[in-house]
N, C-alpha and C. Protein backbone atom coordinates (compact mmCIF):
# COMPACT_ATOMS: atom_id res chain seq x y z
N MET A 1 0.84 -1.17 0.00
CA MET A 1 0.00 0.00 0.00
C MET A 1 0.89 1.24 0.00
N LEU A 2 0.42 2.30 -0.65
CA LEU A 2 1.16 3.56 -0.72
C LEU A 2 0.36 4.68 -0.07
N LEU A 3 1.06 5.58 0.61
CA LEU A 3 0.45 6.77 1.19
C LEU A 3 1.44 7.92 1.15
N GLU A 4 0.92 9.14 1.35
CA GLU A 4 1.76 10.31 1.51
C GLU A 4 1.75 10.71 2.98
N ALA A 5 2.85 11.32 3.40
CA ALA A 5 2.98 11.79 4.78
C ALA A 5 3.76 13.09 4.80
N LEU A 6 3.57 13.86 5.86
CA LEU A 6 4.28 15.11 6.08
C LEU A 6 5.50 14.83 6.95
N VAL A 7 6.66 15.36 6.54
CA VAL A 7 7.88 15.23 7.35
C VAL A 7 7.82 16.29 8.44
N ILE A 8 7.87 15.86 9.70
CA ILE A 8 7.81 16.79 10.83
C ILE A 8 9.13 16.85 11.62
N GLY A 9 10.10 16.05 11.21
CA GLY A 9 11.40 16.06 11.87
C GLY A 9 12.22 14.86 11.46
N ASN A 10 13.35 14.66 12.13
CA ASN A 10 14.15 13.47 11.87
C ASN A 10 14.86 13.01 13.13
N LYS A 11 15.29 11.77 13.07
CA LYS A 11 16.02 11.16 14.18
C LYS A 11 17.43 10.86 13.70
N PRO A 12 18.43 11.07 14.55
CA PRO A 12 19.81 10.77 14.14
C PRO A 12 20.04 9.27 14.01
N GLY A 13 20.96 8.93 13.12
CA GLY A 13 21.29 7.53 12.90
C GLY A 13 22.19 6.98 13.99
N LYS A 14 22.22 5.65 14.07
CA LYS A 14 23.08 4.94 15.02
C LYS A 14 23.89 3.90 14.24
N GLY A 15 24.95 3.42 14.84
CA GLY A 15 25.75 2.36 14.20
C GLY A 15 26.33 2.83 12.88
N ASN A 16 26.05 2.11 11.81
CA ASN A 16 26.56 2.47 10.49
C ASN A 16 26.05 3.83 10.02
N PHE A 17 24.96 4.30 10.59
CA PHE A 17 24.36 5.56 10.17
C PHE A 17 24.63 6.71 11.14
N THR A 18 25.63 6.57 12.00
CA THR A 18 26.01 7.65 12.91
C THR A 18 26.40 8.87 12.09
N GLY A 19 25.83 10.02 12.43
CA GLY A 19 26.15 11.27 11.74
C GLY A 19 25.26 11.58 10.55
N VAL A 20 24.36 10.66 10.21
CA VAL A 20 23.41 10.90 9.12
C VAL A 20 22.00 10.56 9.61
N LEU A 21 21.03 10.69 8.72
CA LEU A 21 19.65 10.41 9.07
C LEU A 21 19.45 8.96 9.52
N GLY A 22 18.73 8.79 10.61
CA GLY A 22 18.33 7.46 11.04
C GLY A 22 16.91 7.17 10.62
N ALA A 23 16.01 8.14 10.83
CA ALA A 23 14.60 7.97 10.46
C ALA A 23 13.94 9.35 10.34
N LEU A 24 12.93 9.42 9.50
CA LEU A 24 12.10 10.62 9.41
C LEU A 24 10.93 10.48 10.36
N LYS A 25 10.62 11.55 11.07
CA LYS A 25 9.40 11.61 11.87
C LYS A 25 8.33 12.15 10.93
N CYS A 26 7.23 11.41 10.81
CA CYS A 26 6.20 11.75 9.83
C CYS A 26 4.82 11.80 10.47
N GLN A 27 3.90 12.43 9.73
CA GLN A 27 2.52 12.54 10.19
C GLN A 27 1.60 12.25 9.02
N LEU A 28 0.56 11.46 9.28
CA LEU A 28 -0.47 11.16 8.29
C LEU A 28 -1.51 12.27 8.27
N PRO A 29 -2.34 12.35 7.22
CA PRO A 29 -3.40 13.35 7.18
C PRO A 29 -4.34 13.29 8.39
N ASN A 30 -4.51 12.11 8.99
CA ASN A 30 -5.40 11.99 10.16
C ASN A 30 -4.71 12.36 11.47
N GLY A 31 -3.45 12.80 11.39
CA GLY A 31 -2.72 13.25 12.58
C GLY A 31 -1.86 12.19 13.25
N LYS A 32 -1.98 10.93 12.85
CA LYS A 32 -1.16 9.86 13.44
C LYS A 32 0.31 10.09 13.08
N ARG A 33 1.19 9.89 14.06
CA ARG A 33 2.63 10.10 13.85
C ARG A 33 3.37 8.77 13.91
N PHE A 34 4.43 8.67 13.11
CA PHE A 34 5.22 7.45 13.02
C PHE A 34 6.58 7.79 12.42
N ASP A 35 7.50 6.84 12.43
CA ASP A 35 8.84 7.02 11.87
C ASP A 35 9.02 6.15 10.64
N VAL A 36 9.76 6.70 9.67
CA VAL A 36 10.16 5.95 8.47
C VAL A 36 11.68 5.88 8.50
N GLY A 37 12.22 4.67 8.64
CA GLY A 37 13.67 4.53 8.78
C GLY A 37 14.35 3.71 7.71
N SER A 38 13.60 3.18 6.75
CA SER A 38 14.24 2.39 5.70
C SER A 38 13.83 2.92 4.33
N GLY A 39 14.58 2.49 3.31
CA GLY A 39 14.31 2.89 1.94
C GLY A 39 15.19 4.03 1.46
N PHE A 40 16.05 4.56 2.32
CA PHE A 40 16.91 5.69 1.96
C PHE A 40 18.26 5.20 1.45
N ASN A 41 18.81 5.87 0.43
CA ASN A 41 20.18 5.60 0.05
C ASN A 41 21.07 6.53 0.88
N MET A 42 22.38 6.39 0.78
CA MET A 42 23.28 7.16 1.64
C MET A 42 23.20 8.66 1.32
N ALA A 43 23.03 9.01 0.05
CA ALA A 43 22.90 10.43 -0.31
C ALA A 43 21.66 11.04 0.35
N GLN A 44 20.56 10.30 0.38
CA GLN A 44 19.34 10.78 1.02
C GLN A 44 19.52 10.87 2.53
N ARG A 45 20.30 9.96 3.09
CA ARG A 45 20.56 10.02 4.54
C ARG A 45 21.44 11.22 4.88
N GLN A 46 22.36 11.58 3.98
CA GLN A 46 23.23 12.72 4.23
C GLN A 46 22.51 14.04 4.04
N LYS A 47 21.53 14.07 3.13
CA LYS A 47 20.73 15.29 2.89
C LYS A 47 19.26 14.88 2.87
N PRO A 48 18.67 14.66 4.06
CA PRO A 48 17.29 14.15 4.15
C PRO A 48 16.25 15.19 3.73
N PRO A 49 15.04 14.73 3.44
CA PRO A 49 13.95 15.66 3.12
C PRO A 49 13.75 16.65 4.27
N LYS A 50 13.47 17.89 3.92
CA LYS A 50 13.30 18.94 4.93
C LYS A 50 11.96 18.83 5.64
N ARG A 51 11.90 19.38 6.83
CA ARG A 51 10.64 19.47 7.57
C ARG A 51 9.64 20.22 6.69
N GLY A 52 8.43 19.70 6.61
CA GLY A 52 7.41 20.31 5.76
C GLY A 52 7.29 19.66 4.39
N SER A 53 8.25 18.77 4.06
CA SER A 53 8.18 18.06 2.78
C SER A 53 7.09 17.00 2.83
N VAL A 54 6.58 16.65 1.65
CA VAL A 54 5.63 15.55 1.53
C VAL A 54 6.38 14.38 0.92
N ILE A 55 6.26 13.21 1.53
CA ILE A 55 6.90 12.00 0.99
C ILE A 55 5.85 10.95 0.67
N THR A 56 6.23 10.05 -0.23
CA THR A 56 5.43 8.85 -0.49
C THR A 56 6.17 7.69 0.14
N PHE A 57 5.45 6.81 0.81
CA PHE A 57 6.05 5.63 1.41
C PHE A 57 5.13 4.44 1.17
N LYS A 58 5.73 3.25 1.25
CA LYS A 58 4.92 2.04 1.16
C LYS A 58 4.94 1.37 2.52
N PHE A 59 3.94 0.51 2.76
CA PHE A 59 3.86 -0.19 4.04
C PHE A 59 3.04 -1.45 3.88
N GLN A 60 3.14 -2.35 4.85
CA GLN A 60 2.45 -3.64 4.80
C GLN A 60 0.96 -3.51 5.10
N GLU A 61 0.66 -2.87 6.24
CA GLU A 61 -0.73 -2.74 6.71
C GLU A 61 -0.75 -1.70 7.80
N LEU A 62 -1.94 -1.32 8.23
CA LEU A 62 -2.08 -0.42 9.37
C LEU A 62 -2.27 -1.25 10.63
N SER A 63 -1.66 -0.79 11.72
CA SER A 63 -1.86 -1.45 13.01
C SER A 63 -3.27 -1.16 13.50
N ASN A 64 -3.67 -1.79 14.59
CA ASN A 64 -4.99 -1.54 15.16
C ASN A 64 -5.17 -0.08 15.55
N SER A 65 -4.07 0.60 15.86
CA SER A 65 -4.16 2.01 16.23
C SER A 65 -3.99 2.94 15.03
N GLY A 66 -3.90 2.39 13.81
CA GLY A 66 -3.83 3.21 12.60
C GLY A 66 -2.46 3.66 12.19
N ILE A 67 -1.42 3.03 12.75
CA ILE A 67 -0.04 3.38 12.40
C ILE A 67 0.45 2.42 11.31
N PRO A 68 1.11 2.94 10.24
CA PRO A 68 1.62 2.05 9.20
C PRO A 68 2.68 1.09 9.74
N ARG A 69 2.56 -0.18 9.37
CA ARG A 69 3.57 -1.18 9.77
C ARG A 69 4.61 -1.30 8.66
N PHE A 70 5.86 -1.34 9.04
CA PHE A 70 7.00 -1.50 8.15
C PHE A 70 7.02 -0.46 7.03
N PRO A 71 6.98 0.84 7.37
CA PRO A 71 7.01 1.87 6.33
C PRO A 71 8.39 1.96 5.67
N VAL A 72 8.39 2.14 4.35
CA VAL A 72 9.62 2.25 3.56
C VAL A 72 9.51 3.50 2.69
N PHE A 73 10.48 4.39 2.80
CA PHE A 73 10.52 5.62 2.01
C PHE A 73 10.65 5.29 0.53
N LEU A 74 9.87 6.00 -0.29
CA LEU A 74 9.97 5.83 -1.74
C LEU A 74 10.48 7.09 -2.44
N ARG A 75 9.88 8.26 -2.14
CA ARG A 75 10.29 9.48 -2.83
C ARG A 75 9.74 10.72 -2.12
N ILE A 76 10.35 11.86 -2.47
CA ILE A 76 9.84 13.15 -2.05
C ILE A 76 8.86 13.61 -3.12
N ARG A 77 7.72 14.13 -2.71
CA ARG A 77 6.70 14.61 -3.66
C ARG A 77 6.86 16.11 -3.85
N THR A 78 7.65 16.51 -4.84
CA THR A 78 7.84 17.93 -5.12
C THR A 78 6.64 18.53 -5.84
N ASP A 79 5.76 17.65 -6.36
CA ASP A 79 4.58 18.11 -7.09
C ASP A 79 3.37 18.34 -6.18
N LEU A 80 3.48 18.03 -4.89
CA LEU A 80 2.37 18.16 -3.95
C LEU A 80 2.77 18.98 -2.74
N THR A 81 1.83 19.77 -2.25
CA THR A 81 2.01 20.42 -0.95
C THR A 81 1.17 19.61 0.06
N TRP A 82 1.39 19.88 1.34
CA TRP A 82 0.61 19.17 2.36
C TRP A 82 -0.87 19.51 2.24
N ASN A 83 -1.17 20.76 1.87
CA ASN A 83 -2.57 21.16 1.67
C ASN A 83 -3.22 20.36 0.54
N ASP A 84 -2.45 20.04 -0.52
CA ASP A 84 -2.97 19.21 -1.61
C ASP A 84 -3.35 17.83 -1.07
N VAL A 85 -2.52 17.28 -0.21
CA VAL A 85 -2.77 15.95 0.34
C VAL A 85 -4.01 15.97 1.24
N LEU A 86 -4.17 17.04 2.00
CA LEU A 86 -5.30 17.13 2.91
C LEU A 86 -6.65 17.30 2.22
N GLU A 87 -6.63 17.79 0.98
CA GLU A 87 -7.90 18.02 0.25
C GLU A 87 -8.53 16.76 -0.23
């Protein structure tokens, strides 16, 4: 399944990813917050999407609380604003 999310921050990497992006803090249109930590190449980890960016991610299913399970980053949506997603 694919969805769009708003980037609201990021988490620093650990281990092999020390000094670069570890995960993006994201928000769904319904307000649910979650982290996306996989699907990034090293260039994306070194220069992650900015706060306020819209991303597309894939995931397995939603948890009982509505959080995406196993989210994987796919791309930054330069053609959409967050207001476009909310409409």
